[in-house]
C-alpha atoms as a PDB file:
ATOM      1  CA  LYS A   1      10.538  -7.984 -45.457  1.00  0.00           C
ATOM      2  CA  GLU A   2       8.772 -11.024 -47.294  1.00  0.00           C
ATOM      3  CA  ASN A   3       8.034 -10.625 -51.246  1.00  0.00           C
ATOM      4  CA  VAL A   4       9.366  -7.027 -51.401  1.00  0.00           C
ATOM      5  CA  ASP A   5       9.478  -5.576 -55.254  1.00  0.00           C
ATOM      6  CA  SER A   6      11.977  -7.627 -57.292  1.00  0.00           C
ATOM      7  CA  ARG A   7      12.530  -4.837 -60.203  1.00  0.00           C
ATOM      8  CA  HIS A   8      14.697  -2.736 -57.436  1.00  0.00           C
ATOM      9  CA  ASN A   9      15.667  -5.253 -54.882  1.00  0.00           C
ATOM     10  CA  ARG A  10      17.367  -8.093 -57.003  1.00  0.00           C
ATOM     11  CA  GLY A  11      20.519  -9.873 -55.356  1.00  0.00           C
ATOM     12  CA  ARG A  12      23.519 -11.152 -57.340  1.00  0.00           C
ATOM     13  CA  GLY A  13      21.662 -13.990 -58.494  1.00  0.00           C
ATOM     14  CA  GLY A  14      18.403 -13.101 -59.579  1.00  0.00           C
ATOM     15  CA  GLU A  15      16.934 -13.154 -56.154  1.00  0.00           C
ATOM     16  CA  THR A  16      13.963 -11.474 -54.330  1.00  0.00           C
ATOM     17  CA  THR A  17      16.432 -10.321 -51.377  1.00  0.00           C
ATOM     18  CA  ARG A  18      15.048 -10.976 -48.566  1.00  0.00           C
ATOM     19  CA  PHE A  19      15.167  -9.835 -44.657  1.00  0.00           C
ATOM     20  CA  HIS A  20      13.884 -11.438 -41.775  1.00  0.00           C
ATOM     21  CA  THR A  21      13.502  -9.838 -38.656  1.00  0.00           C
ATOM     22  CA  VAL A  22      12.492 -11.204 -35.244  1.00  0.00           C
ATOM     23  CA  ASN A  23      12.970  -8.120 -32.669  1.00  0.00           C
ATOM     24  CA  VAL A  24      12.498  -4.467 -33.523  1.00  0.00           C
ATOM     25  CA  ALA A  25      14.445  -2.306 -30.812  1.00  0.00           C
ATOM     26  CA  GLN A  26      11.169   0.453 -30.219  1.00  0.00           C
ATOM     27  CA  PRO A  27      10.253   3.105 -27.435  1.00  0.00           C
ATOM     28  CA  VAL A  28      10.350   1.664 -23.945  1.00  0.00           C
ATOM     29  CA  ARG A  29       8.583   2.583 -20.558  1.00  0.00           C
ATOM     30  CA  PHE A  30      10.202   1.413 -17.474  1.00  0.00           C
ATOM     31  CA  SER A  31       7.786   0.831 -14.426  1.00  0.00           C
ATOM     32  CA  ARG A  32       9.425  -1.509 -12.561  1.00  0.00           C
ATOM     33  CA  LYS A  33      12.187   0.269 -10.177  1.00  0.00           C
ATOM     34  CA  CYS A  34      12.113  -1.607  -7.376  1.00  0.00           C
ATOM     35  CA  PRO A  35      12.637  -5.030  -6.194  1.00  0.00           C
ATOM     36  CA  THR A  36       9.816  -7.829  -5.938  1.00  0.00           C
ATOM     37  CA  GLY A  37       7.850  -7.297  -3.211  1.00  0.00           C
ATOM     38  CA  TRP A  38       8.216  -2.830  -3.231  1.00  0.00           C
ATOM     39  CA  HIS A  39       6.499  -0.904  -3.854  1.00  0.00           C
ATOM     40  CA  HIS A  40       7.059   2.311  -6.961  1.00  0.00           C
ATOM     41  CA  TYR A  41       6.563   6.252  -5.726  1.00  0.00           C
ATOM     42  CA  GLU A  42       7.297   8.137  -9.148  1.00  0.00           C
ATOM     43  CA  GLY A  43       7.005  11.047  -6.675  1.00  0.00           C
ATOM     44  CA  THR A  44      10.265  10.912  -4.087  1.00  0.00           C
ATOM     45  CA  ALA A  45      11.953   8.359  -6.517  1.00  0.00           C
ATOM     46  CA  SER A  46      11.445   5.555  -3.702  1.00  0.00           C
ATOM     47  CA  CYS A  47      10.537   1.940  -3.256  1.00  0.00           C
ATOM     48  CA  TYR A  48       8.343   0.846   0.278  1.00  0.00           C
ATOM     49  CA  ARG A  49       7.903  -2.590   1.237  1.00  0.00           C
ATOM     50  CA  VAL A  50       6.455  -3.619   4.311  1.00  0.00           C
ATOM     51  CA  TYR A  51       8.046  -6.272   7.018  1.00  0.00           C
ATOM     52  CA  LEU A  52       4.643  -8.659   9.165  1.00  0.00           C
ATOM     53  CA  ASN A  53       7.755  -9.911  10.737  1.00  0.00           C
ATOM     54  CA  GLY A  54       6.955  -8.635  13.667  1.00  0.00           C
ATOM     55  CA  GLU A  55      10.303  -6.485  15.155  1.00  0.00           C
ATOM     56  CA  ASN A  56      10.900  -4.468  18.026  1.00  0.00           C
ATOM     57  CA  TYR A  57      11.201  -1.035  16.233  1.00  0.00           C
ATOM     58  CA  TRP A  58      15.317  -1.105  16.949  1.00  0.00           C
ATOM     59  CA  ASP A  59      15.525  -4.417  14.987  1.00  0.00           C
ATOM     60  CA  ALA A  60      12.699  -3.301  12.396  1.00  0.00           C
ATOM     61  CA  VAL A  61      15.580  -0.827  11.954  1.00  0.00           C
ATOM     62  CA  GLN A  62      18.206  -2.971  11.308  1.00  0.00           C
ATOM     63  CA  THR A  63      15.828  -5.579   9.014  1.00  0.00           C
ATOM     64  CA  CYS A  64      15.565  -1.768   6.692  1.00  0.00           C
ATOM     65  CA  GLN A  65      19.105  -0.841   6.829  1.00  0.00           C
ATOM     66  CA  ARG A  66      20.510  -4.643   5.455  1.00  0.00           C
ATOM     67  CA  VAL A  67      18.126  -3.751   2.139  1.00  0.00           C
ATOM     68  CA  ASN A  68      19.567  -0.473   1.681  1.00  0.00           C
ATOM     69  CA  GLY A  69      16.809   1.538   2.936  1.00  0.00           C
ATOM     70  CA  SER A  70      15.566   2.538   6.272  1.00  0.00           C
ATOM     71  CA  LEU A  71      11.852   2.951   7.965  1.00  0.00           C
ATOM     72  CA  ALA A  72      10.299   5.194   6.037  1.00  0.00           C
ATOM     73  CA  THR A  73       9.701   8.898   7.002  1.00  0.00           C
ATOM     74  CA  PHE A  74       7.286  11.059   4.612  1.00  0.00           C
ATOM     75  CA  THR A  75       8.236  15.067   2.595  1.00  0.00           C
ATOM     76  CA  ALA A  76       5.064  16.002   1.530  1.00  0.00           C
ATOM     77  CA  ASP A  77       1.287  14.562   2.503  1.00  0.00           C
ATOM     78  CA  GLN A  78       1.407  13.223  -0.930  1.00  0.00           C
ATOM     79  CA  GLU A  79       3.945  10.359  -0.009  1.00  0.00           C
ATOM     80  CA  LEU A  80       2.079   9.499   2.543  1.00  0.00           C
ATOM     81  CA  ARG A  81      -1.104   9.380   0.777  1.00  0.00           C
ATOM     82  CA  PHE A  82       1.014   7.059  -1.750  1.00  0.00           C
ATOM     83  CA  ILE A  83       1.580   4.575   0.775  1.00  0.00           C
ATOM     84  CA  LEU A  84      -1.983   4.314   3.022  1.00  0.00           C
ATOM     85  CA  ALA A  85      -3.520   3.401  -0.790  1.00  0.00           C
ATOM     86  CA  GLN A  86      -1.818   0.905  -1.311  1.00  0.00           C
ATOM     87  CA  GLU A  87      -2.658  -2.466  -0.677  1.00  0.00           C
ATOM     88  CA  TRP A  88       0.099  -4.029   1.653  1.00  0.00           C
ATOM     89  CA  ASP A  89      -1.143  -7.784   1.942  1.00  0.00           C
ATOM     90  CA  LEU A  90      -1.084  -7.820   5.594  1.00  0.00           C
ATOM     91  CA  GLU A  91      -3.306 -10.755   5.831  1.00  0.00           C
ATOM     92  CA  GLU A  92      -0.602 -12.595   7.393  1.00  0.00           C
ATOM     93  CA  LYS A  93       0.750 -11.830  10.354  1.00  0.00           C
ATOM     94  CA  THR A  94      -1.338  -9.150  12.051  1.00  0.00           C
ATOM     95  CA  PHE A  95      -0.672  -7.714  15.635  1.00  0.00           C
ATOM     96  CA  VAL A  96      -3.539  -5.707  16.177  1.00  0.00           C
ATOM     97  CA  ARG A  97      -7.714  -5.945  14.914  1.00  0.00           C
ATOM     98  CA  LYS A  98      -8.100  -7.683  11.953  1.00  0.00           C
ATOM     99  CA  ASP A  99      -9.621  -3.907  10.008  1.00  0.00           C
ATOM    100  CA  GLN A 100      -6.511  -1.503  11.653  1.00  0.00           C
ATOM    101  CA  ARG A 101      -2.882  -2.084  10.661  1.00  0.00           C
ATOM    102  CA  ARG A 102      -0.003  -0.824  12.154  1.00  0.00           C
ATOM    103  CA  PHE A 103       3.763  -0.488  11.625  1.00  0.00           C
ATOM    104  CA  TRP A 104       6.747   1.155  12.562  1.00  0.00           C
ATOM    105  CA  VAL A 105       7.838   3.962  10.626  1.00  0.00           C
ATOM    106  CA  GLY A 106      10.596   6.201  11.633  1.00  0.00           C
ATOM    107  CA  TYR A 107       9.744   8.905  13.694  1.00  0.00           C
ATOM    108  CA  GLN A 108      10.500   9.163  17.592  1.00  0.00           C
ATOM    109  CA  TYR A 109       8.321  11.216  20.352  1.00  0.00           C
ATOM    110  CA  VAL A 110      10.639  12.869  22.818  1.00  0.00           C
ATOM    111  CA  ILE A 111       8.384  13.450  26.094  1.00  0.00           C
ATOM    112  CA  THR A 112       9.437  16.785  28.254  1.00  0.00           C
ATOM    113  CA  ASN A 113       6.553  16.142  29.716  1.00  0.00           C
ATOM    114  CA  ARG A 114       5.036  13.737  31.931  1.00  0.00           C
ATOM    115  CA  ASN A 115       2.045  15.915  32.839  1.00  0.00           C
ATOM    116  CA  HIS A 116      -2.374  14.022  31.675  1.00  0.00           C
ATOM    117  CA  SER A 117      -1.368  15.459  28.674  1.00  0.00           C
ATOM    118  CA  LEU A 118       1.815  14.155  27.667  1.00  0.00           C
ATOM    119  CA  GLU A 119       3.751  16.788  26.402  1.00  0.00           C
ATOM    120  CA  GLY A 120       6.410  15.837  23.552  1.00  0.00           C
ATOM    121  CA  HIS A 121       7.337  16.559  20.157  1.00  0.00           C
ATOM    122  CA  TRP A 122       8.355  14.610  16.959  1.00  0.00           C
ATOM    123  CA  GLU A 123      11.119  13.660  15.844  1.00  0.00           C
ATOM    124  CA  VAL A 124      12.877  12.028  12.614  1.00  0.00           C
ATOM    125  CA  ALA A 125      14.695   9.221  13.952  1.00  0.00           C
ATOM    126  CA  TYR A 126      17.994   9.631  12.027  1.00  0.00           C
ATOM    127  CA  LYS A 127      19.886  13.113  11.954  1.00  0.00           C
ATOM    128  CA  GLY A 128      20.706  14.634   8.487  1.00  0.00           C
ATOM    129  CA  SER A 129      17.819  13.912   7.436  1.00  0.00           C
ATOM    130  CA  SER A 130      15.937  15.979   4.425  1.00  0.00           C
ATOM    131  CA  GLU A 131      12.288  15.134   5.164  1.00  0.00           C
ATOM    132  CA  VAL A 132      10.448  18.301   6.635  1.00  0.00           C
ATOM    133  CA  PHE A 133       6.604  16.504   7.354  1.00  0.00           C
ATOM    134  CA  LEU A 134       6.122  15.325  10.938  1.00  0.00           C
ATOM    135  CA  PRO A 135       3.168  13.817  12.602  1.00  0.00           C
ATOM    136  CA  PRO A 136       0.432  15.593  14.016  1.00  0.00           C
ATOM    137  CA  ASP A 137      -0.460  15.290  18.113  1.00  0.00           C
ATOM    138  CA  PRO A 138      -0.359  11.376  19.101  1.00  0.00           C
ATOM    139  CA  ILE A 139      -2.277   8.668  19.762  1.00  0.00           C
ATOM    140  CA  PHE A 140      -0.620   7.136  23.090  1.00  0.00           C
ATOM    141  CA  GLY A 141      -0.304   3.263  23.172  1.00  0.00           C
ATOM    142  CA  SER A 142      -1.413   1.063  25.522  1.00  0.00           C
ATOM    143  CA  ALA A 143       1.379  -0.644  26.047  1.00  0.00           C
ATOM    144  CA  MET A 144       4.182   2.258  27.232  1.00  0.00           C
ATOM    145  CA  SER A 145       5.952   2.770  30.666  1.00  0.00           C
ATOM    146  CA  GLU A 146       6.028   5.097  32.387  1.00  0.00           C
ATOM    147  CA  LYS A 147       9.919   5.309  33.136  1.00  0.00           C
ATOM    148  CA  GLU A 148      10.096   5.970  28.899  1.00  0.00           C
ATOM    149  CA  ASN A 149      11.066   8.860  27.242  1.00  0.00           C
ATOM    150  CA  VAL A 150      11.155   8.354  24.367  1.00  0.00           C
ATOM    151  CA  LEU A 151       8.275   6.896  22.519  1.00  0.00           C
ATOM    152  CA  CYS A 152       7.950   5.042  18.872  1.00  0.00           C
ATOM    153  CA  ALA A 153       5.706   5.999  16.036  1.00  0.00           C
ATOM    154  CA  GLN A 154       3.422   4.058  14.497  1.00  0.00           C
ATOM    155  CA  LEU A 155       1.165   4.744  11.605  1.00  0.00           C
ATOM    156  CA  GLN A 156      -2.317   2.759  11.553  1.00  0.00           C
ATOM    157  CA  CYS A 157      -3.616   2.214   8.130  1.00  0.00           C
ATOM    158  CA  PHE A 158      -6.814   0.602   7.549  1.00  0.00           C
ATOM    159  CA  HIS A 159      -7.703  -2.372   5.598  1.00  0.00           C
ATOM    160  CA  PHE A 160     -11.005  -1.251   4.367  1.00  0.00           C
ATOM    161  CA  PRO A 161     -10.080   0.388   0.573  1.00  0.00           C
ATOM    162  CA  THR A 162     -12.273   3.460   0.748  1.00  0.00           C
ATOM    163  CA  LEU A 163     -11.407   3.886   4.492  1.00  0.00           C
ATOM    164  CA  ARG A 164      -7.785   3.568   2.576  1.00  0.00           C
ATOM    165  CA  HIS A 165      -8.335   5.838  -0.624  1.00  0.00           C
ATOM    166  CA  HIS A 166     -10.009   8.728   1.753  1.00  0.00           C
ATOM    167  CA  GLY A 167      -6.443   8.613   3.920  1.00  0.00           C
ATOM    168  CA  LEU A 168      -7.644   7.593   6.908  1.00  0.00           C
ATOM    169  CA  HIS A 169      -5.031   7.128   9.140  1.00  0.00           C
ATOM    170  CA  SER A 170      -4.057   7.567  13.079  1.00  0.00           C
ATOM    171  CA  TRP A 171      -0.311   7.717  14.130  1.00  0.00           C
ATOM    172  CA  TYR A 172       0.693   6.125  17.702  1.00  0.00           C
ATOM    173  CA  ALA A 173       3.328   6.809  20.154  1.00  0.00           C
ATOM    174  CA  GLU A 174       4.355   3.363  21.609  1.00  0.00           C
ATOM    175  CA  ASN A 175       7.041   1.917  23.558  1.00  0.00           C
ATOM    176  CA  CYS A 176       9.725   0.930  21.086  1.00  0.00           C
ATOM    177  CA  TYR A 177      10.092  -3.008  22.140  1.00  0.00           C
ATOM    178  CA  GLU A 178       6.503  -3.602  21.376  1.00  0.00           C
ATOM    179  CA  LYS A 179       6.831  -6.086  17.957  1.00  0.00           C
ATOM    180  CA  SER A 180       5.061  -4.928  14.731  1.00  0.00           C
ATOM    181  CA  SER A 181       5.431  -4.634  11.285  1.00  0.00           C
ATOM    182  CA  PHE A 182       7.425  -2.059   9.646  1.00  0.00           C
ATOM    183  CA  LEU A 183       7.528  -0.003   6.311  1.00  0.00           C
ATOM    184  CA  CYS A 184      11.068  -0.115   5.028  1.00  0.00           C
ATOM    185  CA  LYS A 185      11.980   2.663   2.418  1.00  0.00           C
ATOM    186  CA  ARG A 186      14.798   2.497  -0.330  1.00  0.00           C
ATOM    187  CA  SER A 187      16.241   5.055  -3.178  1.00  0.00           C
ATOM    188  CA  GLN A 188      14.882   3.801  -6.195  1.00  0.00           C
ATOM    189  CA  THR A 189      16.996   1.564  -8.264  1.00  0.00           C
ATOM    190  CA  CYS A 190      17.976  -0.435 -11.710  1.00  0.00           C
ATOM    191  CA  VAL A 191      16.336  -3.663 -11.800  1.00  0.00           C
ATOM    192  CA  ASP A 192      17.865  -6.369 -14.623  1.00  0.00           C
ATOM    193  CA  ILE A 193      15.063  -9.176 -16.377  1.00  0.00           C
ATOM    194  CA  LYS A 194      16.005 -11.521 -13.864  1.00  0.00           C
ATOM    195  CA  ASP A 195      15.123  -9.367 -10.693  1.00  0.00           C
ATOM    196  CA  ASN A 196      18.041  -8.523  -9.882  1.00  0.00           C
ATOM    197  CA  ILE A 197      19.397  -5.094  -8.184  1.00  0.00           C
ATOM    198  CA  VAL A 198      21.869  -3.668 -10.812  1.00  0.00           C
ATOM    199  CA  ASP A 199      24.748  -0.946  -8.933  1.00  0.00           C
ATOM    200  CA  GLU A 200      25.874   2.617 -10.498  1.00  0.00           C
ATOM    201  CA  GLY A 201      26.952   2.344 -14.080  1.00  0.00           C
ATOM    202  CA  TYR A 202      26.634  -1.047 -14.925  1.00  0.00           C
ATOM    203  CA  TYR A 203      24.790  -2.270 -17.702  1.00  0.00           C
ATOM    204  CA  PHE A 204      21.824  -4.286 -17.637  1.00  0.00           C
ATOM    205  CA  THR A 205      18.846  -5.931 -19.541  1.00  0.00           C
ATOM    206  CA  PRO A 206      15.640  -4.063 -17.873  1.00  0.00           C
ATOM    207  CA  LYS A 207      12.103  -5.615 -16.485  1.00  0.00           C
ATOM    208  CA  GLY A 208      10.109  -5.737 -19.563  1.00  0.00           C
ATOM    209  CA  ASN A 209       9.441  -7.375 -22.538  1.00  0.00           C
ATOM    210  CA  ASP A 210      12.950  -6.978 -24.876  1.00  0.00           C
ATOM    211  CA  PRO A 211      15.458  -9.188 -23.499  1.00  0.00           C
ATOM    212  CA  CYS A 212      17.673  -7.529 -26.015  1.00  0.00           C
ATOM    213  CA  LEU A 213      17.556  -3.956 -24.466  1.00  0.00           C
ATOM    214  CA  SER A 214      21.067  -3.379 -22.847  1.00  0.00           C
ATOM    215  CA  CYS A 215      21.542   0.074 -20.548  1.00  0.00           C
ATOM    216  CA  THR A 216      23.422   1.492 -18.331  1.00  0.00           C
ATOM    217  CA  CYS A 217      22.241   2.136 -14.697  1.00  0.00           C
ATOM    218  CA  HIS A 218      21.807   6.082 -14.191  1.00  0.00           C
ATOM    219  CA  ASN A 219      20.616   7.538 -11.116  1.00  0.00           C
ATOM    220  CA  GLY A 220      17.589   4.366 -10.952  1.00  0.00           C
ATOM    221  CA  GLU A 221      16.913   4.261 -14.511  1.00  0.00           C
ATOM    222  CA  PRO A 222      17.895   2.717 -17.257  1.00  0.00           C
ATOM    223  CA  GLU A 223      19.812   5.476 -19.416  1.00  0.00           C
ATOM    224  CA  MET A 224      21.960   4.700 -23.450  1.00  0.00           C
ATOM    225  CA  CYS A 225      20.283   1.844 -24.269  1.00  0.00           C
ATOM    226  CA  VAL A 226      20.962  -0.524 -26.970  1.00  0.00           C
ATOM    227  CA  ALA A 227      18.629  -2.838 -28.891  1.00  0.00           C
ATOM    228  CA  ALA A 228      20.302  -6.440 -30.752  1.00  0.00           C
ATOM    229  CA  LEU A 229      18.544  -7.553 -33.285  1.00  0.00           C
ATOM    230  CA  CYS A 230      18.078 -11.516 -34.263  1.00  0.00           C
ATOM    231  CA  GLU A 231      17.871 -13.224 -37.132  1.00  0.00           C
ATOM    232  CA  ARG A 232      15.014 -16.206 -37.268  1.00  0.00           C
ATOM    233  CA  PRO A 233      16.001 -19.195 -36.819  1.00  0.00           C
ATOM    234  CA  GLN A 234      17.351 -21.754 -39.098  1.00  0.00           C
ATOM    235  CA  GLY A 235      15.186 -24.432 -40.796  1.00  0.00           C
ATOM    236  CA  CYS A 236      12.304 -23.971 -38.328  1.00  0.00           C
ATOM    237  CA  GLN A 237       9.125 -22.321 -39.638  1.00  0.00           C
ATOM    238  CA  GLN A 238       7.415 -21.843 -35.722  1.00  0.00           C
ATOM    239  CA  TYR A 239       8.833 -20.962 -32.982  1.00  0.00           C
ATOM    240  CA  ARG A 240       9.566 -18.780 -29.796  1.00  0.00           C
ATOM    241  CA  LYS A 241      11.166 -16.492 -28.692  1.00  0.00           C
ATOM    242  CA  ASP A 242      12.636 -16.741 -24.473  1.00  0.00           C
ATOM    243  CA  PRO A 243      10.972 -13.897 -22.897  1.00  0.00           C
ATOM    244  CA  LYS A 244      14.080 -14.253 -20.437  1.00  0.00           C
ATOM    245  CA  GLU A 245      17.831 -14.967 -23.150  1.00  0.00           C
ATOM    246  CA  CYS A 246      18.206 -12.530 -25.741  1.00  0.00           C
ATOM    247  CA  CYS A 247      17.593 -13.828 -29.688  1.00  0.00           C
ATOM    248  CA  LYS A 248      16.899 -17.796 -27.532  1.00  0.00           C
ATOM    249  CA  PHE A 249      13.913 -19.545 -29.719  1.00  0.00           C
ATOM    250  CA  THR A 250      12.532 -23.087 -28.730  1.00  0.00           C
ATOM    251  CA  CYS A 251      11.670 -24.329 -32.299  1.00  0.00           C
ATOM    252  CA  LEU A 252       7.870 -25.485 -32.456  1.00  0.00           C
ATOM    253  CA  ASP A 253       7.501 -27.260 -35.207  1.00  0.00           C
ATOM    254  CA  PRO A 254       6.592 -30.924 -35.489  1.00  0.00           C
END
């Protein structure tokens, strides 16, 4: 506060007391709960990312595991609609037609009877998963072998926004050794202001516009946050705050 009422706020020497506060703690809503390149869905507290480097199903499984995730499976129609509505930036590398996009997801189709209709059923690829959503009858891929009894799931979405937002999609049962883009899913996590992933229970500064905030990571959420207040830099009238370092300034005076 500048120019406070001198009748009530005079210091010992008769001078008016002045306060210079640069940062004031404000209610904060944290929107970044995933590393850069991942899409967050609040409904499942999960992060999703499409990898464009074409890999077979088994290599895609290992790539997802290396980032603490798995090939995506879905708990409900709402989650699938969220996936279909995203813009996944699949322009650089494609393995199918340009207006259609396919990627491996975490289901397998087990063939039980090789007649003209290829009877079988979908299963979640990894036992013990809590997912309950299973795909409808698939379209069988052109690369499938007559010897294969297990095929792997590709989810096809469409590039055109109007088709995506109407939820238009298809499920393919494809030869697991075909190369394709793939969709990884992992639990939401704490991400600090410098885009580092933070482990459970550690202190960190969340992404946002306040580098002086310190929180504890709990279940992928910042909790018990405290804010530091910074004094104005001495001998400097015009200055700029560093957006990623607490109480660090650049003086802009001539």
